[in-house]
Amino acid sequence: MEIGGLTLVTGAGGFIGGHLVAKLLQERHAVRAVDVKPTSDWYQCFPHADNRVLDLKEVEACREAVRGAARVYHLAADMGGMGFIESNKALCMLSVLTNTHALLAAREEGVERYFYASSACVYAEDKQGEADVRPLKESDAYPAMPEDGYGWEKLFSERMCRHFMEDFGLTTRVARYHNVYGPNGTFRGGREKAPAAICRKVAHAKLSGQHEIEVWGDGEQTRSFTYIDDCIYGTMAIMESDIAEPINLGSSELVTINQLIDVVEEIAGISVQRHYNPSAPKGVRGRNSDNTLIRQRLGWEPTTPLRVGMEKTYRWIYDRLSTGDAEIRGASEAPAVSR
């Protein structure tokens, strides 16, 4: 027996969206899954969901998507790893249309709760200039100086959610995702992020016998990486919480890109020669999540160790490559540093 009202997940054909739909269905929610891509291109597609292909940049498409929904998880966005967002700023900014139109439709429909997936890219760049970075608190988003393009769109959309709550009474919740990774996601083609790109490069090195990879930057950039299961649990908990302000959803386990490669080498059982490309997109020098607020408000924070999550991610990508589910050629061309 299904519980609650209809739940809409936008961006359901993407990495996080697919995992969220799976969890909601597992918990016996009625789910409408929406994405702009044909269902054949979705990373995960479930027959028990109401699957629809809609372009949410169009307000009428948003009205169709939201119709009858009690809850909306808005994950849809045009985005990818650092190589993509640095060279597609206008496309990233256009995602503001999907959130604006989804908010309008949610207000018209009388939606009970609306979740918006924001990003750590909203944080001021001058607070991320060192590898040994101070973990970013939620207040560090202001004075505003986010990542150009993608970060500005996310920060603007956060404000839209806030004002729809203040002016129209729509209950909104906002999480700032920090580098989410795991199986069943992008690992080639230019939109992948650092964990998946590095797993693919090392897997390709092992399968090809050419034990060398390209690394963007000097490898000393720092990030924290959030395993998908923690992201999904946190997303659903924030949706049902009383947390009205944007909140970090990320691991606080800070590592350099070189240390991330060390982990994947150990999992793969090989060592690779690293060719550093200092002219490639690198993003900020350091970024980590301050989890003080989420611990205080939820009594929880992401806890999956990087080694555990990366092993699951590597095994999934290695299996795709080794069984011919993905091209191995050109595998060294994708980014090794993510947002």
C-alpha atoms as a PDB file:
ATOM      1  CA  MET A   1       0.000   0.000   0.000  1.00  0.00           C
ATOM      2  CA  GLU A   2       1.392   3.395  -0.977  1.00  0.00           C
ATOM      3  CA  ILE A   3       1.812   6.036   1.723  1.00  0.00           C
ATOM      4  CA  GLY A   4       1.289   9.800   1.645  1.00  0.00           C
ATOM      5  CA  GLY A   5       0.402  11.853  -1.381  1.00  0.00           C
ATOM      6  CA  LEU A   6       2.123  11.944  -4.738  1.00  0.00           C
ATOM      7  CA  THR A   7       5.816  12.895  -4.663  1.00  0.00           C
ATOM      8  CA  LEU A   8       7.420  14.546  -7.692  1.00  0.00           C
ATOM      9  CA  VAL A   9      11.133  14.125  -8.398  1.00  0.00           C
ATOM     10  CA  THR A  10      12.522  16.369 -11.127  1.00  0.00           C
ATOM     11  CA  GLY A  11      15.830  15.433 -12.696  1.00  0.00           C
ATOM     12  CA  ALA A  12      14.808  11.829 -12.027  1.00  0.00           C
ATOM     13  CA  GLY A  13      16.853  10.569 -14.965  1.00  0.00           C
ATOM     14  CA  GLY A  14      20.037  11.887 -13.386  1.00  0.00           C
ATOM     15  CA  PHE A  15      22.394  10.389 -10.849  1.00  0.00           C
ATOM     16  CA  ILE A  16      20.949  11.697  -7.562  1.00  0.00           C
ATOM     17  CA  GLY A  17      17.405  11.748  -8.893  1.00  0.00           C
ATOM     18  CA  GLY A  18      17.515   8.072  -9.830  1.00  0.00           C
ATOM     19  CA  HIS A  19      18.696   7.064  -6.373  1.00  0.00           C
ATOM     20  CA  LEU A  20      16.049   9.256  -4.744  1.00  0.00           C
ATOM     21  CA  VAL A  21      13.252   7.700  -6.807  1.00  0.00           C
ATOM     22  CA  ALA A  22      14.524   4.235  -5.863  1.00  0.00           C
ATOM     23  CA  LYS A  23      14.452   5.091  -2.147  1.00  0.00           C
ATOM     24  CA  LEU A  24      11.010   6.681  -2.283  1.00  0.00           C
ATOM     25  CA  LEU A  25       9.576   3.664  -4.107  1.00  0.00           C
ATOM     26  CA  GLN A  26      11.261   1.358  -1.597  1.00  0.00           C
ATOM     27  CA  GLU A  27       9.441   3.244   1.161  1.00  0.00           C
ATOM     28  CA  ARG A  28       6.177   2.829  -0.781  1.00  0.00           C
ATOM     29  CA  HIS A  29       5.619   6.413  -1.870  1.00  0.00           C
ATOM     30  CA  ALA A  30       3.693   7.179  -5.046  1.00  0.00           C
ATOM     31  CA  VAL A  31       6.305   8.816  -7.276  1.00  0.00           C
ATOM     32  CA  ARG A  32       6.177  10.864 -10.458  1.00  0.00           C
ATOM     33  CA  ALA A  33       9.627  10.906 -12.080  1.00  0.00           C
ATOM     34  CA  VAL A  34      10.371  13.667 -14.598  1.00  0.00           C
ATOM     35  CA  ASP A  35      13.383  14.435 -16.765  1.00  0.00           C
ATOM     36  CA  VAL A  36      14.074  16.176 -20.069  1.00  0.00           C
ATOM     37  CA  LYS A  37      15.988  13.154 -21.426  1.00  0.00           C
ATOM     38  CA  PRO A  38      14.263  10.175 -23.079  1.00  0.00           C
ATOM     39  CA  THR A  39      13.679   7.441 -20.514  1.00  0.00           C
ATOM     40  CA  SER A  40      16.152   5.238 -22.412  1.00  0.00           C
ATOM     41  CA  ASP A  41      18.869   7.688 -21.338  1.00  0.00           C
ATOM     42  CA  TRP A  42      17.930   7.737 -17.638  1.00  0.00           C
ATOM     43  CA  TYR A  43      20.530   6.243 -15.310  1.00  0.00           C
ATOM     44  CA  GLN A  44      17.769   4.419 -13.452  1.00  0.00           C
ATOM     45  CA  CYS A  45      14.157   4.052 -14.607  1.00  0.00           C
ATOM     46  CA  PHE A  46      11.518   2.277 -12.544  1.00  0.00           C
ATOM     47  CA  PRO A  47       8.264   0.915 -14.012  1.00  0.00           C
ATOM     48  CA  HIS A  48       6.348   1.534 -10.774  1.00  0.00           C
ATOM     49  CA  ALA A  49       6.901   5.297 -11.050  1.00  0.00           C
ATOM     50  CA  ASP A  50       4.886   7.665 -13.228  1.00  0.00           C
ATOM     51  CA  ASN A  51       7.734   8.415 -15.642  1.00  0.00           C
ATOM     52  CA  ARG A  52       7.391  11.504 -17.842  1.00  0.00           C
ATOM     53  CA  VAL A  53       9.668  13.298 -20.292  1.00  0.00           C
ATOM     54  CA  LEU A  54       9.155  17.057 -19.900  1.00  0.00           C
ATOM     55  CA  ASP A  55      11.244  20.184 -20.484  1.00  0.00           C
ATOM     56  CA  LEU A  56      10.848  22.022 -17.191  1.00  0.00           C
ATOM     57  CA  LYS A  57      12.208  25.257 -18.630  1.00  0.00           C
ATOM     58  CA  GLU A  58       8.644  25.606 -19.958  1.00  0.00           C
ATOM     59  CA  VAL A  59       6.060  26.697 -17.384  1.00  0.00           C
ATOM     60  CA  GLU A  60       3.307  24.493 -18.849  1.00  0.00           C
ATOM     61  CA  ALA A  61       5.579  21.464 -18.541  1.00  0.00           C
ATOM     62  CA  CYS A  62       6.131  22.335 -14.863  1.00  0.00           C
ATOM     63  CA  ARG A  63       2.371  22.602 -14.341  1.00  0.00           C
ATOM     64  CA  GLU A  64       1.921  19.126 -15.834  1.00  0.00           C
ATOM     65  CA  ALA A  65       4.736  17.735 -13.704  1.00  0.00           C
ATOM     66  CA  VAL A  66       3.469  19.236 -10.438  1.00  0.00           C
ATOM     67  CA  ARG A  67      -0.234  18.511 -10.955  1.00  0.00           C
ATOM     68  CA  GLY A  68      -1.540  16.450  -8.053  1.00  0.00           C
ATOM     69  CA  ALA A  69       1.783  16.398  -6.157  1.00  0.00           C
ATOM     70  CA  ALA A  70       1.954  16.934  -2.406  1.00  0.00           C
ATOM     71  CA  ARG A  71       5.754  17.078  -2.301  1.00  0.00           C
ATOM     72  CA  VAL A  72       8.328  18.202  -4.851  1.00  0.00           C
ATOM     73  CA  TYR A  73      12.013  17.314  -4.875  1.00  0.00           C
ATOM     74  CA  HIS A  74      13.493  19.687  -7.431  1.00  0.00           C
ATOM     75  CA  LEU A  75      16.831  18.289  -8.583  1.00  0.00           C
ATOM     76  CA  ALA A  76      16.683  19.152 -12.288  1.00  0.00           C
ATOM     77  CA  ALA A  77      19.632  21.262 -13.477  1.00  0.00           C
ATOM     78  CA  ASP A  78      22.005  21.514 -16.411  1.00  0.00           C
ATOM     79  CA  MET A  79      25.311  20.769 -14.744  1.00  0.00           C
ATOM     80  CA  GLY A  80      28.355  18.526 -14.545  1.00  0.00           C
ATOM     81  CA  GLY A  81      31.941  18.488 -13.361  1.00  0.00           C
ATOM     82  CA  MET A  82      34.279  21.465 -13.371  1.00  0.00           C
ATOM     83  CA  GLY A  83      35.178  21.019 -17.031  1.00  0.00           C
ATOM     84  CA  PHE A  84      31.516  21.408 -17.964  1.00  0.00           C
ATOM     85  CA  ILE A  85      30.391  24.219 -15.684  1.00  0.00           C
ATOM     86  CA  GLU A  86      33.424  26.419 -16.426  1.00  0.00           C
ATOM     87  CA  SER A  87      32.750  26.307 -20.165  1.00  0.00           C
ATOM     88  CA  ASN A  88      28.923  26.336 -20.117  1.00  0.00           C
ATOM     89  CA  LYS A  89      28.032  29.217 -17.818  1.00  0.00           C
ATOM     90  CA  ALA A  90      24.997  30.356 -19.826  1.00  0.00           C
ATOM     91  CA  LEU A  91      23.531  26.840 -19.960  1.00  0.00           C
ATOM     92  CA  CYS A  92      23.988  26.506 -16.208  1.00  0.00           C
ATOM     93  CA  MET A  93      22.329  29.880 -15.621  1.00  0.00           C
ATOM     94  CA  LEU A  94      19.320  28.852 -17.717  1.00  0.00           C
ATOM     95  CA  SER A  95      18.472  26.263 -15.062  1.00  0.00           C
ATOM     96  CA  VAL A  96      16.978  29.205 -13.154  1.00  0.00           C
ATOM     97  CA  LEU A  97      13.970  28.801 -15.448  1.00  0.00           C
ATOM     98  CA  THR A  98      13.258  25.283 -14.206  1.00  0.00           C
ATOM     99  CA  ASN A  99      13.261  26.306 -10.542  1.00  0.00           C
ATOM    100  CA  THR A 100      11.285  29.507 -11.147  1.00  0.00           C
ATOM    101  CA  HIS A 101       8.599  27.722 -13.141  1.00  0.00           C
ATOM    102  CA  ALA A 102       8.516  24.770 -10.736  1.00  0.00           C
ATOM    103  CA  LEU A 103       8.012  27.154  -7.805  1.00  0.00           C
ATOM    104  CA  LEU A 104       5.197  28.938  -9.644  1.00  0.00           C
ATOM    105  CA  ALA A 105       3.516  25.621 -10.425  1.00  0.00           C
ATOM    106  CA  ALA A 106       3.990  24.379  -6.851  1.00  0.00           C
ATOM    107  CA  ARG A 107       2.372  27.516  -5.461  1.00  0.00           C
ATOM    108  CA  GLU A 108      -0.575  27.226  -7.858  1.00  0.00           C
ATOM    109  CA  GLU A 109      -1.044  23.539  -7.030  1.00  0.00           C
ATOM    110  CA  GLY A 110      -0.866  24.047  -3.257  1.00  0.00           C
ATOM    111  CA  VAL A 111       2.134  21.761  -2.803  1.00  0.00           C
ATOM    112  CA  GLU A 112       2.831  20.951   0.859  1.00  0.00           C
ATOM    113  CA  ARG A 113       6.637  20.944   0.704  1.00  0.00           C
ATOM    114  CA  TYR A 114       9.231  21.859  -1.907  1.00  0.00           C
ATOM    115  CA  PHE A 115      12.879  20.759  -1.748  1.00  0.00           C
ATOM    116  CA  TYR A 116      15.549  22.534  -3.782  1.00  0.00           C
ATOM    117  CA  ALA A 117      18.925  20.926  -4.468  1.00  0.00           C
ATOM    118  CA  SER A 118      21.522  23.688  -4.220  1.00  0.00           C
ATOM    119  CA  SER A 119      25.302  23.399  -4.260  1.00  0.00           C
ATOM    120  CA  ALA A 120      28.462  24.295  -2.384  1.00  0.00           C
ATOM    121  CA  CYS A 121      29.266  26.378  -5.477  1.00  0.00           C
ATOM    122  CA  VAL A 122      27.235  29.165  -3.854  1.00  0.00           C
ATOM    123  CA  TYR A 123      30.058  29.874  -1.410  1.00  0.00           C
ATOM    124  CA  ALA A 124      32.224  32.958  -1.747  1.00  0.00           C
ATOM    125  CA  GLU A 125      35.362  32.208  -3.746  1.00  0.00           C
ATOM    126  CA  ASP A 126      37.602  34.291  -1.471  1.00  0.00           C
ATOM    127  CA  LYS A 127      36.922  31.791   1.331  1.00  0.00           C
ATOM    128  CA  GLN A 128      38.230  28.888  -0.786  1.00  0.00           C
ATOM    129  CA  GLY A 129      41.647  30.102  -1.898  1.00  0.00           C
ATOM    130  CA  GLU A 130      43.802  27.699   0.144  1.00  0.00           C
ATOM    131  CA  ALA A 131      44.068  23.924   0.089  1.00  0.00           C
ATOM    132  CA  ASP A 132      44.033  23.881   3.910  1.00  0.00           C
ATOM    133  CA  VAL A 133      40.617  25.517   3.832  1.00  0.00           C
ATOM    134  CA  ARG A 134      38.452  26.347   6.834  1.00  0.00           C
ATOM    135  CA  PRO A 135      35.225  24.319   6.533  1.00  0.00           C
ATOM    136  CA  LEU A 136      32.479  26.418   4.980  1.00  0.00           C
ATOM    137  CA  LYS A 137      29.622  27.489   7.221  1.00  0.00           C
ATOM    138  CA  GLU A 138      26.223  28.301   5.759  1.00  0.00           C
ATOM    139  CA  SER A 139      26.797  31.999   6.494  1.00  0.00           C
ATOM    140  CA  ASP A 140      29.858  31.982   4.216  1.00  0.00           C
ATOM    141  CA  ALA A 141      27.609  32.352   1.162  1.00  0.00           C
ATOM    142  CA  TYR A 142      27.378  36.083   1.940  1.00  0.00           C
ATOM    143  CA  PRO A 143      28.595  38.649   0.995  1.00  0.00           C
ATOM    144  CA  ALA A 144      27.821  36.945  -2.293  1.00  0.00           C
ATOM    145  CA  MET A 145      30.692  35.954  -4.583  1.00  0.00           C
ATOM    146  CA  PRO A 146      29.726  32.475  -5.804  1.00  0.00           C
ATOM    147  CA  GLU A 147      31.205  30.452  -8.631  1.00  0.00           C
ATOM    148  CA  ASP A 148      30.453  32.221 -11.898  1.00  0.00           C
ATOM    149  CA  GLY A 149      27.474  30.864 -13.812  1.00  0.00           C
ATOM    150  CA  TYR A 150      26.426  27.714 -11.955  1.00  0.00           C
ATOM    151  CA  GLY A 151      27.014  29.127  -8.471  1.00  0.00           C
ATOM    152  CA  TRP A 152      25.095  32.329  -9.189  1.00  0.00           C
ATOM    153  CA  GLU A 153      22.135  30.354 -10.519  1.00  0.00           C
ATOM    154  CA  LYS A 154      22.055  28.210  -7.395  1.00  0.00           C
ATOM    155  CA  LEU A 155      22.294  31.192  -5.042  1.00  0.00           C
ATOM    156  CA  PHE A 156      19.553  33.073  -6.907  1.00  0.00           C
ATOM    157  CA  SER A 157      17.293  30.020  -6.821  1.00  0.00           C
ATOM    158  CA  GLU A 158      17.882  29.656  -3.079  1.00  0.00           C
ATOM    159  CA  ARG A 159      16.592  33.213  -2.666  1.00  0.00           C
ATOM    160  CA  MET A 160      13.570  32.420  -4.828  1.00  0.00           C
ATOM    161  CA  CYS A 161      12.701  29.540  -2.503  1.00  0.00           C
ATOM    162  CA  ARG A 162      13.093  31.805   0.519  1.00  0.00           C
ATOM    163  CA  HIS A 163      10.819  34.498  -0.868  1.00  0.00           C
ATOM    164  CA  PHE A 164       8.155  32.036  -2.044  1.00  0.00           C
ATOM    165  CA  MET A 165       8.062  30.796   1.543  1.00  0.00           C
ATOM    166  CA  GLU A 166       7.969  34.313   3.026  1.00  0.00           C
ATOM    167  CA  ASP A 167       5.503  35.851   0.564  1.00  0.00           C
ATOM    168  CA  PHE A 168       3.303  32.926  -0.477  1.00  0.00           C
ATOM    169  CA  GLY A 169       3.557  30.449   2.407  1.00  0.00           C
ATOM    170  CA  LEU A 170       5.078  27.631   0.316  1.00  0.00           C
ATOM    171  CA  THR A 171       7.160  25.485   2.653  1.00  0.00           C
ATOM    172  CA  THR A 172      10.595  25.222   1.044  1.00  0.00           C
ATOM    173  CA  ARG A 173      13.720  23.358   2.103  1.00  0.00           C
ATOM    174  CA  VAL A 174      17.199  23.860   0.610  1.00  0.00           C
ATOM    175  CA  ALA A 175      20.294  21.642   0.863  1.00  0.00           C
ATOM    176  CA  ARG A 176      23.729  22.627  -0.396  1.00  0.00           C
ATOM    177  CA  TYR A 177      25.215  19.441  -1.845  1.00  0.00           C
ATOM    178  CA  HIS A 178      28.973  18.903  -1.560  1.00  0.00           C
ATOM    179  CA  ASN A 179      30.436  16.678  -4.324  1.00  0.00           C
ATOM    180  CA  VAL A 180      28.051  13.736  -4.378  1.00  0.00           C
ATOM    181  CA  TYR A 181      29.391  10.474  -5.838  1.00  0.00           C
ATOM    182  CA  GLY A 182      28.551   6.788  -6.124  1.00  0.00           C
ATOM    183  CA  PRO A 183      27.394   4.075  -8.566  1.00  0.00           C
ATOM    184  CA  ASN A 184      24.790   4.597 -11.288  1.00  0.00           C
ATOM    185  CA  GLY A 185      25.989   7.998 -12.395  1.00  0.00           C
ATOM    186  CA  THR A 186      27.997   9.829 -15.035  1.00  0.00           C
ATOM    187  CA  PHE A 187      31.578   8.612 -15.393  1.00  0.00           C
ATOM    188  CA  ARG A 188      32.494   9.707 -18.924  1.00  0.00           C
ATOM    189  CA  GLY A 189      31.504  12.217 -21.579  1.00  0.00           C
ATOM    190  CA  GLY A 190      32.608  15.468 -19.905  1.00  0.00           C
ATOM    191  CA  ARG A 191      29.969  15.942 -17.191  1.00  0.00           C
ATOM    192  CA  GLU A 192      31.467  13.555 -14.648  1.00  0.00           C
ATOM    193  CA  LYS A 193      32.943  14.743 -11.364  1.00  0.00           C
ATOM    194  CA  ALA A 194      36.248  13.900  -9.740  1.00  0.00           C
ATOM    195  CA  PRO A 195      35.474  10.580  -7.993  1.00  0.00           C
ATOM    196  CA  ALA A 196      33.873   9.009 -11.075  1.00  0.00           C
ATOM    197  CA  ALA A 197      36.470  10.459 -13.453  1.00  0.00           C
ATOM    198  CA  ILE A 198      39.356   9.138 -11.390  1.00  0.00           C
ATOM    199  CA  CYS A 199      37.728   5.729 -10.989  1.00  0.00           C
ATOM    200  CA  ARG A 200      37.271   5.537 -14.756  1.00  0.00           C
ATOM    201  CA  LYS A 201      40.817   6.643 -15.498  1.00  0.00           C
ATOM    202  CA  VAL A 202      42.354   4.127 -13.104  1.00  0.00           C
ATOM    203  CA  ALA A 203      40.043   1.350 -14.343  1.00  0.00           C
ATOM    204  CA  HIS A 204      41.021   2.181 -17.914  1.00  0.00           C
ATOM    205  CA  ALA A 205      44.701   2.125 -16.926  1.00  0.00           C
ATOM    206  CA  LYS A 206      44.269  -1.327 -15.405  1.00  0.00           C
ATOM    207  CA  LEU A 207      42.278  -2.748 -18.311  1.00  0.00           C
ATOM    208  CA  SER A 208      44.565  -1.304 -20.979  1.00  0.00           C
ATOM    209  CA  GLY A 209      47.839  -2.064 -19.196  1.00  0.00           C
ATOM    210  CA  GLN A 210      48.883   1.584 -19.682  1.00  0.00           C
ATOM    211  CA  HIS A 211      49.326   2.613 -16.064  1.00  0.00           C
ATOM    212  CA  GLU A 212      49.162   6.379 -16.437  1.00  0.00           C
ATOM    213  CA  ILE A 213      46.485   9.035 -16.056  1.00  0.00           C
ATOM    214  CA  GLU A 214      46.047  12.768 -16.548  1.00  0.00           C
ATOM    215  CA  VAL A 215      45.241  14.888 -13.483  1.00  0.00           C
ATOM    216  CA  TRP A 216      43.830  18.394 -13.790  1.00  0.00           C
ATOM    217  CA  GLY A 217      45.853  20.852 -11.724  1.00  0.00           C
ATOM    218  CA  ASP A 218      48.659  19.843  -9.391  1.00  0.00           C
ATOM    219  CA  GLY A 219      46.609  17.314  -7.445  1.00  0.00           C
ATOM    220  CA  GLU A 220      46.876  19.274  -4.211  1.00  0.00           C
ATOM    221  CA  GLN A 221      43.412  20.840  -4.501  1.00  0.00           C
ATOM    222  CA  THR A 222      41.232  19.723  -1.599  1.00  0.00           C
ATOM    223  CA  ARG A 223      37.604  18.605  -1.508  1.00  0.00           C
ATOM    224  CA  SER A 224      35.208  16.542   0.564  1.00  0.00           C
ATOM    225  CA  PHE A 225      33.105  13.922  -1.222  1.00  0.00           C
ATOM    226  CA  THR A 226      29.635  12.768  -0.149  1.00  0.00           C
ATOM    227  CA  TYR A 227      28.486   9.210  -0.818  1.00  0.00           C
ATOM    228  CA  ILE A 228      25.109   8.923  -2.516  1.00  0.00           C
ATOM    229  CA  ASP A 229      23.408   6.986   0.312  1.00  0.00           C
ATOM    230  CA  ASP A 230      24.237   9.793   2.757  1.00  0.00           C
ATOM    231  CA  CYS A 231      22.986  12.353   0.250  1.00  0.00           C
ATOM    232  CA  ILE A 232      19.633  10.589  -0.161  1.00  0.00           C
ATOM    233  CA  TYR A 233      19.121  10.100   3.574  1.00  0.00           C
ATOM    234  CA  GLY A 234      20.002  13.744   4.261  1.00  0.00           C
ATOM    235  CA  THR A 235      17.791  15.019   1.444  1.00  0.00           C
ATOM    236  CA  MET A 236      14.721  13.220   2.751  1.00  0.00           C
ATOM    237  CA  ALA A 237      15.452  14.200   6.360  1.00  0.00           C
ATOM    238  CA  ILE A 238      15.870  17.878   5.435  1.00  0.00           C
ATOM    239  CA  MET A 239      12.640  17.792   3.421  1.00  0.00           C
ATOM    240  CA  GLU A 240      10.680  16.635   6.477  1.00  0.00           C
ATOM    241  CA  SER A 241      12.524  18.877   8.964  1.00  0.00           C
ATOM    242  CA  ASP A 242      11.780  22.373  10.256  1.00  0.00           C
ATOM    243  CA  ILE A 243      15.042  23.745   8.811  1.00  0.00           C
ATOM    244  CA  ALA A 244      13.912  26.807   6.878  1.00  0.00           C
ATOM    245  CA  GLU A 245      17.342  28.103   5.860  1.00  0.00           C
ATOM    246  CA  PRO A 246      19.803  26.542   3.371  1.00  0.00           C
ATOM    247  CA  ILE A 247      21.948  23.895   5.029  1.00  0.00           C
ATOM    248  CA  ASN A 248      25.118  21.992   4.106  1.00  0.00           C
ATOM    249  CA  LEU A 249      24.713  18.377   3.051  1.00  0.00           C
ATOM    250  CA  GLY A 250      28.225  17.043   2.671  1.00  0.00           C
ATOM    251  CA  SER A 251      31.001  14.974   4.138  1.00  0.00           C
ATOM    252  CA  SER A 252      33.632  16.750   6.226  1.00  0.00           C
ATOM    253  CA  GLU A 253      36.377  14.223   5.314  1.00  0.00           C
ATOM    254  CA  LEU A 254      38.806  16.539   3.512  1.00  0.00           C
ATOM    255  CA  VAL A 255      41.300  15.029   1.032  1.00  0.00           C
ATOM    256  CA  THR A 256      43.550  16.234  -1.758  1.00  0.00           C
ATOM    257  CA  ILE A 257      42.947  14.982  -5.276  1.00  0.00           C
ATOM    258  CA  ASN A 258      46.234  13.109  -4.988  1.00  0.00           C
ATOM    259  CA  GLN A 259      44.941  11.358  -1.863  1.00  0.00           C
ATOM    260  CA  LEU A 260      41.742  10.490  -3.722  1.00  0.00           C
ATOM    261  CA  ILE A 261      43.859   8.878  -6.445  1.00  0.00           C
ATOM    262  CA  ASP A 262      45.813   7.001  -3.753  1.00  0.00           C
ATOM    263  CA  VAL A 263      42.544   5.501  -2.512  1.00  0.00           C
ATOM    264  CA  VAL A 264      41.492   4.376  -5.988  1.00  0.00           C
ATOM    265  CA  GLU A 265      44.951   2.916  -6.703  1.00  0.00           C
ATOM    266  CA  GLU A 266      44.689   0.834  -3.545  1.00  0.00           C
ATOM    267  CA  ILE A 267      41.220  -0.392  -4.508  1.00  0.00           C
ATOM    268  CA  ALA A 268      42.346  -1.230  -8.050  1.00  0.00           C
ATOM    269  CA  GLY A 269      45.558  -2.875  -6.920  1.00  0.00           C
ATOM    270  CA  ILE A 270      47.796  -0.855  -9.251  1.00  0.00           C
ATOM    271  CA  SER A 271      49.978   2.258  -9.201  1.00  0.00           C
ATOM    272  CA  VAL A 272      49.654   4.842 -11.967  1.00  0.00           C
ATOM    273  CA  GLN A 273      51.959   7.504 -13.296  1.00  0.00           C
ATOM    274  CA  ARG A 274      50.288  10.883 -12.905  1.00  0.00           C
ATOM    275  CA  HIS A 275      50.597  13.522 -15.612  1.00  0.00           C
ATOM    276  CA  TYR A 276      49.570  16.878 -14.171  1.00  0.00           C
ATOM    277  CA  ASN A 277      47.863  19.438 -16.396  1.00  0.00           C
ATOM    278  CA  PRO A 278      48.116  22.844 -14.682  1.00  0.00           C
ATOM    279  CA  SER A 279      46.209  24.630 -17.454  1.00  0.00           C
ATOM    280  CA  ALA A 280      43.063  22.509 -17.079  1.00  0.00           C
ATOM    281  CA  PRO A 281      39.993  23.739 -15.131  1.00  0.00           C
ATOM    282  CA  LYS A 282      40.662  23.345 -11.426  1.00  0.00           C
ATOM    283  CA  GLY A 283      37.900  25.172  -9.574  1.00  0.00           C
ATOM    284  CA  VAL A 284      38.589  26.616  -6.139  1.00  0.00           C
ATOM    285  CA  ARG A 285      41.747  25.607  -4.291  1.00  0.00           C
ATOM    286  CA  GLY A 286      39.978  24.077  -1.325  1.00  0.00           C
ATOM    287  CA  ARG A 287      36.433  23.293  -0.186  1.00  0.00           C
ATOM    288  CA  ASN A 288      35.061  21.440   2.813  1.00  0.00           C
ATOM    289  CA  SER A 289      31.706  21.248   4.587  1.00  0.00           C
ATOM    290  CA  ASP A 290      31.159  22.604   8.105  1.00  0.00           C
ATOM    291  CA  ASN A 291      28.552  20.219   9.530  1.00  0.00           C
ATOM    292  CA  THR A 292      27.903  21.997  12.806  1.00  0.00           C
ATOM    293  CA  LEU A 293      24.400  23.098  11.807  1.00  0.00           C
ATOM    294  CA  ILE A 294      23.196  19.771  10.406  1.00  0.00           C
ATOM    295  CA  ARG A 295      24.459  17.972  13.523  1.00  0.00           C
ATOM    296  CA  GLN A 296      22.584  20.447  15.706  1.00  0.00           C
ATOM    297  CA  ARG A 297      19.350  20.337  13.727  1.00  0.00           C
ATOM    298  CA  LEU A 298      19.177  16.679  12.642  1.00  0.00           C
ATOM    299  CA  GLY A 299      21.517  14.954  15.100  1.00  0.00           C
ATOM    300  CA  TRP A 300      23.217  13.441  12.051  1.00  0.00           C
ATOM    301  CA  GLU A 301      25.814  14.093   9.374  1.00  0.00           C
ATOM    302  CA  PRO A 302      27.194  12.087   6.411  1.00  0.00           C
ATOM    303  CA  THR A 303      29.373   9.310   7.792  1.00  0.00           C
ATOM    304  CA  THR A 304      30.269   6.944   4.924  1.00  0.00           C
ATOM    305  CA  PRO A 305      34.085   6.774   4.822  1.00  0.00           C
ATOM    306  CA  LEU A 306      35.598   7.801   1.498  1.00  0.00           C
ATOM    307  CA  ARG A 307      37.349   4.440   1.147  1.00  0.00           C
ATOM    308  CA  VAL A 308      34.049   2.565   1.481  1.00  0.00           C
ATOM    309  CA  GLY A 309      32.128   4.722  -0.979  1.00  0.00           C
ATOM    310  CA  MET A 310      34.947   4.810  -3.512  1.00  0.00           C
ATOM    311  CA  GLU A 311      35.289   1.034  -3.546  1.00  0.00           C
ATOM    312  CA  LYS A 312      31.601   0.659  -4.463  1.00  0.00           C
ATOM    313  CA  THR A 313      31.934   3.378  -7.090  1.00  0.00           C
ATOM    314  CA  TYR A 314      35.118   1.947  -8.597  1.00  0.00           C
ATOM    315  CA  ARG A 315      33.718  -1.605  -8.770  1.00  0.00           C
ATOM    316  CA  TRP A 316      30.602  -0.368 -10.580  1.00  0.00           C
ATOM    317  CA  ILE A 317      32.585   1.671 -13.122  1.00  0.00           C
ATOM    318  CA  TYR A 318      35.174  -1.070 -13.627  1.00  0.00           C
ATOM    319  CA  ASP A 319      32.376  -3.565 -14.355  1.00  0.00           C
ATOM    320  CA  ARG A 320      30.829  -1.200 -16.935  1.00  0.00           C
ATOM    321  CA  LEU A 321      34.165  -0.798 -18.710  1.00  0.00           C
ATOM    322  CA  SER A 322      35.252  -4.423 -18.522  1.00  0.00           C
ATOM    323  CA  THR A 323      31.965  -5.781 -19.877  1.00  0.00           C
ATOM    324  CA  GLY A 324      31.816  -3.337 -22.778  1.00  0.00           C
ATOM    325  CA  ASP A 325      28.955  -1.223 -21.372  1.00  0.00           C
ATOM    326  CA  ALA A 326      31.046   1.910 -21.952  1.00  0.00           C
ATOM    327  CA  GLU A 327      33.760   2.978 -24.355  1.00  0.00           C
ATOM    328  CA  ILE A 328      37.309   2.778 -23.008  1.00  0.00           C
ATOM    329  CA  ARG A 329      38.746   4.913 -25.808  1.00  0.00           C
ATOM    330  CA  GLY A 330      39.388   8.523 -24.839  1.00  0.00           C
ATOM    331  CA  ALA A 331      38.896   7.771 -21.153  1.00  0.00           C
ATOM    332  CA  SER A 332      41.720  10.107 -20.132  1.00  0.00           C
ATOM    333  CA  GLU A 333      39.975  13.172 -21.521  1.00  0.00           C
ATOM    334  CA  ALA A 334      37.401  13.839 -18.791  1.00  0.00           C
ATOM    335  CA  PRO A 335      37.848  16.051 -15.725  1.00  0.00           C
ATOM    336  CA  ALA A 336      39.581  14.904 -12.555  1.00  0.00           C
ATOM    337  CA  VAL A 337      38.367  17.743 -10.357  1.00  0.00           C
ATOM    338  CA  SER A 338      34.728  18.451  -9.646  1.00  0.00           C
ATOM    339  CA  ARG A 339      32.702  21.229  -8.153  1.00  0.00           C
END
